[in-house]
Amino acid sequence: MRKSIAESITNTVKDLHKSGLIDQITMNNIESLCLPEILEEILADE
């Protein structure tokens, strides 16, 4: 469940960035908050 939430947030942020509503710094900050959880789950599945 967490993985899908983190992916949803990351996808939303990417879409907002593409439309110019958020800048690169904000996008990087949000991705850095979400990506560690995704990476931990990927590594745990291996």
PDB file of N, CA and C in Angstrom:
ATOM      1  N   MET A   1       0.826  -1.199   0.000  1.00  0.00           N
ATOM      2  CA  MET A   1       0.000   0.000   0.000  1.00  0.00           C
ATOM      3  C   MET A   1       0.866   1.257   0.000  1.00  0.00           C
ATOM      4  N   ARG A   2       1.914   1.283   0.839  1.00  0.00           N
ATOM      5  CA  ARG A   2       2.779   2.461   0.872  1.00  0.00           C
ATOM      6  C   ARG A   2       3.426   2.723  -0.468  1.00  0.00           C
ATOM      7  N   LYS A   3       3.809   1.665  -1.134  1.00  0.00           N
ATOM      8  CA  LYS A   3       4.461   1.817  -2.422  1.00  0.00           C
ATOM      9  C   LYS A   3       3.534   2.534  -3.396  1.00  0.00           C
ATOM     10  N   SER A   4       2.285   2.159  -3.426  1.00  0.00           N
ATOM     11  CA  SER A   4       1.356   2.787  -4.357  1.00  0.00           C
ATOM     12  C   SER A   4       1.090   4.245  -3.986  1.00  0.00           C
ATOM     13  N   ILE A   5       1.087   4.564  -2.702  1.00  0.00           N
ATOM     14  CA  ILE A   5       0.895   5.948  -2.272  1.00  0.00           C
ATOM     15  C   ILE A   5       2.102   6.786  -2.692  1.00  0.00           C
ATOM     16  N   ALA A   6       3.296   6.280  -2.429  1.00  0.00           N
ATOM     17  CA  ALA A   6       4.510   7.003  -2.805  1.00  0.00           C
ATOM     18  C   ALA A   6       4.584   7.191  -4.312  1.00  0.00           C
ATOM     19  N   GLU A   7       4.218   6.161  -5.063  1.00  0.00           N
ATOM     20  CA  GLU A   7       4.223   6.271  -6.522  1.00  0.00           C
ATOM     21  C   GLU A   7       3.196   7.295  -6.996  1.00  0.00           C
ATOM     22  N   SER A   8       2.037   7.319  -6.376  1.00  0.00           N
ATOM     23  CA  SER A   8       1.004   8.292  -6.742  1.00  0.00           C
ATOM     24  C   SER A   8       1.477   9.716  -6.493  1.00  0.00           C
ATOM     25  N   ILE A   9       2.106   9.925  -5.360  1.00  0.00           N
ATOM     26  CA  ILE A   9       2.620  11.262  -5.039  1.00  0.00           C
ATOM     27  C   ILE A   9       3.688  11.664  -6.041  1.00  0.00           C
ATOM     28  N   THR A  10       4.614  10.759  -6.307  1.00  0.00           N
ATOM     29  CA  THR A  10       5.692  11.054  -7.250  1.00  0.00           C
ATOM     30  C   THR A  10       5.137  11.356  -8.636  1.00  0.00           C
ATOM     31  N   ASN A  11       4.180  10.575  -9.093  1.00  0.00           N
ATOM     32  CA  ASN A  11       3.570  10.815 -10.412  1.00  0.00           C
ATOM     33  C   ASN A  11       2.844  12.151 -10.459  1.00  0.00           C
ATOM     34  N   THR A  12       2.142  12.490  -9.396  1.00  0.00           N
ATOM     35  CA  THR A  12       1.430  13.768  -9.339  1.00  0.00           C
ATOM     36  C   THR A  12       2.409  14.930  -9.392  1.00  0.00           C
ATOM     37  N   VAL A  13       3.496  14.818  -8.628  1.00  0.00           N
ATOM     38  CA  VAL A  13       4.512  15.869  -8.623  1.00  0.00           C
ATOM     39  C   VAL A  13       5.139  16.027 -10.009  1.00  0.00           C
ATOM     40  N   LYS A  14       5.408  14.913 -10.669  1.00  0.00           N
ATOM     41  CA  LYS A  14       5.974  14.983 -12.018  1.00  0.00           C
ATOM     42  C   LYS A  14       5.017  15.691 -12.971  1.00  0.00           C
ATOM     43  N   ASP A  15       3.729  15.391 -12.863  1.00  0.00           N
ATOM     44  CA  ASP A  15       2.736  16.046 -13.720  1.00  0.00           C
ATOM     45  C   ASP A  15       2.651  17.542 -13.425  1.00  0.00           C
ATOM     46  N   LEU A  16       2.689  17.906 -12.149  1.00  0.00           N
ATOM     47  CA  LEU A  16       2.660  19.324 -11.776  1.00  0.00           C
ATOM     48  C   LEU A  16       3.899  20.047 -12.297  1.00  0.00           C
ATOM     49  N   HIS A  17       5.036  19.372 -12.255  1.00  0.00           N
ATOM     50  CA  HIS A  17       6.268  19.962 -12.767  1.00  0.00           C
ATOM     51  C   HIS A  17       6.183  20.166 -14.277  1.00  0.00           C
ATOM     52  N   LYS A  18       5.663  19.173 -14.984  1.00  0.00           N
ATOM     53  CA  LYS A  18       5.531  19.278 -16.443  1.00  0.00           C
ATOM     54  C   LYS A  18       4.629  20.451 -16.836  1.00  0.00           C
ATOM     55  N   SER A  19       3.597  20.701 -16.025  1.00  0.00           N
ATOM     56  CA  SER A  19       2.677  21.794 -16.343  1.00  0.00           C
ATOM     57  C   SER A  19       3.173  23.140 -15.825  1.00  0.00           C
ATOM     58  N   GLY A  20       4.310  23.131 -15.130  1.00  0.00           N
ATOM     59  CA  GLY A  20       4.909  24.377 -14.676  1.00  0.00           C
ATOM     60  C   GLY A  20       4.388  24.895 -13.347  1.00  0.00           C
ATOM     61  N   LEU A  21       3.630  24.078 -12.636  1.00  0.00           N
ATOM     62  CA  LEU A  21       3.059  24.532 -11.370  1.00  0.00           C
ATOM     63  C   LEU A  21       4.015  24.410 -10.185  1.00  0.00           C
ATOM     64  N   ILE A  22       5.030  23.545 -10.306  1.00  0.00           N
ATOM     65  CA  ILE A  22       6.063  23.471  -9.277  1.00  0.00           C
ATOM     66  C   ILE A  22       7.426  23.476  -9.951  1.00  0.00           C
ATOM     67  N   ASP A  23       8.435  23.948  -9.206  1.00  0.00           N
ATOM     68  CA  ASP A  23       9.776  24.029  -9.788  1.00  0.00           C
ATOM     69  C   ASP A  23      10.565  22.745  -9.536  1.00  0.00           C
ATOM     70  N   GLN A  24      11.750  22.699 -10.132  1.00  0.00           N
ATOM     71  CA  GLN A  24      12.605  21.512 -10.040  1.00  0.00           C
ATOM     72  C   GLN A  24      13.031  21.226  -8.600  1.00  0.00           C
ATOM     73  N   ILE A  25      13.292  22.259  -7.832  1.00  0.00           N
ATOM     74  CA  ILE A  25      13.732  22.068  -6.449  1.00  0.00           C
ATOM     75  C   ILE A  25      12.635  21.383  -5.630  1.00  0.00           C
ATOM     76  N   THR A  26      11.410  21.838  -5.773  1.00  0.00           N
ATOM     77  CA  THR A  26      10.296  21.219  -5.055  1.00  0.00           C
ATOM     78  C   THR A  26      10.111  19.778  -5.490  1.00  0.00           C
ATOM     79  N   MET A  27      10.211  19.540  -6.783  1.00  0.00           N
ATOM     80  CA  MET A  27      10.079  18.177  -7.299  1.00  0.00           C
ATOM     81  C   MET A  27      11.155  17.268  -6.704  1.00  0.00           C
ATOM     82  N   ASN A  28      12.378  17.735  -6.671  1.00  0.00           N
ATOM     83  CA  ASN A  28      13.470  16.946  -6.104  1.00  0.00           C
ATOM     84  C   ASN A  28      13.248  16.670  -4.621  1.00  0.00           C
ATOM     85  N   ASN A  29      12.766  17.669  -3.893  1.00  0.00           N
ATOM     86  CA  ASN A  29      12.504  17.480  -2.466  1.00  0.00           C
ATOM     87  C   ASN A  29      11.449  16.409  -2.221  1.00  0.00           C
ATOM     88  N   ILE A  30      10.385  16.441  -2.961  1.00  0.00           N
ATOM     89  CA  ILE A  30       9.313  15.467  -2.772  1.00  0.00           C
ATOM     90  C   ILE A  30       9.772  14.072  -3.200  1.00  0.00           C
ATOM     91  N   GLU A  31      10.499  13.990  -4.307  1.00  0.00           N
ATOM     92  CA  GLU A  31      11.012  12.689  -4.742  1.00  0.00           C
ATOM     93  C   GLU A  31      11.970  12.104  -3.709  1.00  0.00           C
ATOM     94  N   SER A  32      12.793  12.937  -3.104  1.00  0.00           N
ATOM     95  CA  SER A  32      13.740  12.426  -2.106  1.00  0.00           C
ATOM     96  C   SER A  32      13.011  11.913  -0.869  1.00  0.00           C
ATOM     97  N   LEU A  33      11.840  12.443  -0.591  1.00  0.00           N
ATOM     98  CA  LEU A  33      11.046  11.954   0.534  1.00  0.00           C
ATOM     99  C   LEU A  33      10.370  10.625   0.200  1.00  0.00           C
ATOM    100  N   CYS A  34       9.990  10.435  -1.050  1.00  0.00           N
ATOM    101  CA  CYS A  34       9.244   9.241  -1.445  1.00  0.00           C
ATOM    102  C   CYS A  34      10.130   8.091  -1.902  1.00  0.00           C
ATOM    103  N   LEU A  35      11.193   8.377  -2.595  1.00  0.00           N
ATOM    104  CA  LEU A  35      11.993   7.327  -3.200  1.00  0.00           C
ATOM    105  C   LEU A  35      12.649   6.367  -2.220  1.00  0.00           C
ATOM    106  N   PRO A  36      13.144   6.810  -1.068  1.00  0.00           N
ATOM    107  CA  PRO A  36      13.757   5.823  -0.160  1.00  0.00           C
ATOM    108  C   PRO A  36      12.810   4.696   0.235  1.00  0.00           C
ATOM    109  N   GLU A  37      11.544   4.998   0.443  1.00  0.00           N
ATOM    110  CA  GLU A  37      10.579   3.959   0.803  1.00  0.00           C
ATOM    111  C   GLU A  37      10.409   2.967  -0.340  1.00  0.00           C
ATOM    112  N   ILE A  38      10.349   3.463  -1.562  1.00  0.00           N
ATOM    113  CA  ILE A  38      10.184   2.590  -2.711  1.00  0.00           C
ATOM    114  C   ILE A  38      11.412   1.697  -2.857  1.00  0.00           C
ATOM    115  N   LEU A  39      12.594   2.275  -2.726  1.00  0.00           N
ATOM    116  CA  LEU A  39      13.821   1.505  -2.850  1.00  0.00           C
ATOM    117  C   LEU A  39      13.933   0.438  -1.768  1.00  0.00           C
ATOM    118  N   GLU A  40      13.529   0.771  -0.546  1.00  0.00           N
ATOM    119  CA  GLU A  40      13.567  -0.222   0.542  1.00  0.00           C
ATOM    120  C   GLU A  40      12.669  -1.396   0.226  1.00  0.00           C
ATOM    121  N   GLU A  41      11.484  -1.140  -0.299  1.00  0.00           N
ATOM    122  CA  GLU A  41      10.555  -2.220  -0.618  1.00  0.00           C
ATOM    123  C   GLU A  41      11.056  -3.055  -1.784  1.00  0.00           C
ATOM    124  N   ILE A  42      11.677  -2.420  -2.759  1.00  0.00           N
ATOM    125  CA  ILE A  42      12.231  -3.169  -3.893  1.00  0.00           C
ATOM    126  C   ILE A  42      13.332  -4.094  -3.411  1.00  0.00           C
ATOM    127  N   LEU A  43      14.216  -3.589  -2.577  1.00  0.00           N
ATOM    128  CA  LEU A  43      15.308  -4.401  -2.056  1.00  0.00           C
ATOM    129  C   LEU A  43      14.799  -5.518  -1.159  1.00  0.00           C
ATOM    130  N   ALA A  44      13.728  -5.281  -0.429  1.00  0.00           N
ATOM    131  CA  ALA A  44      13.170  -6.301   0.457  1.00  0.00           C
ATOM    132  C   ALA A  44      12.530  -7.430  -0.355  1.00  0.00           C
ATOM    133  N   ASP A  45      12.018  -7.115  -1.557  1.00  0.00           N
ATOM    134  CA  ASP A  45      11.383  -8.132  -2.396  1.00  0.00           C
ATOM    135  C   ASP A  45      12.399  -9.056  -3.063  1.00  0.00           C
ATOM    136  N   GLU A  46      13.642  -8.622  -3.168  1.00  0.00           N
ATOM    137  CA  GLU A  46      14.654  -9.429  -3.863  1.00  0.00           C
ATOM    138  C   GLU A  46      15.152 -10.572  -3.024  1.00  0.00           C
TER     139      GLU A  46
END
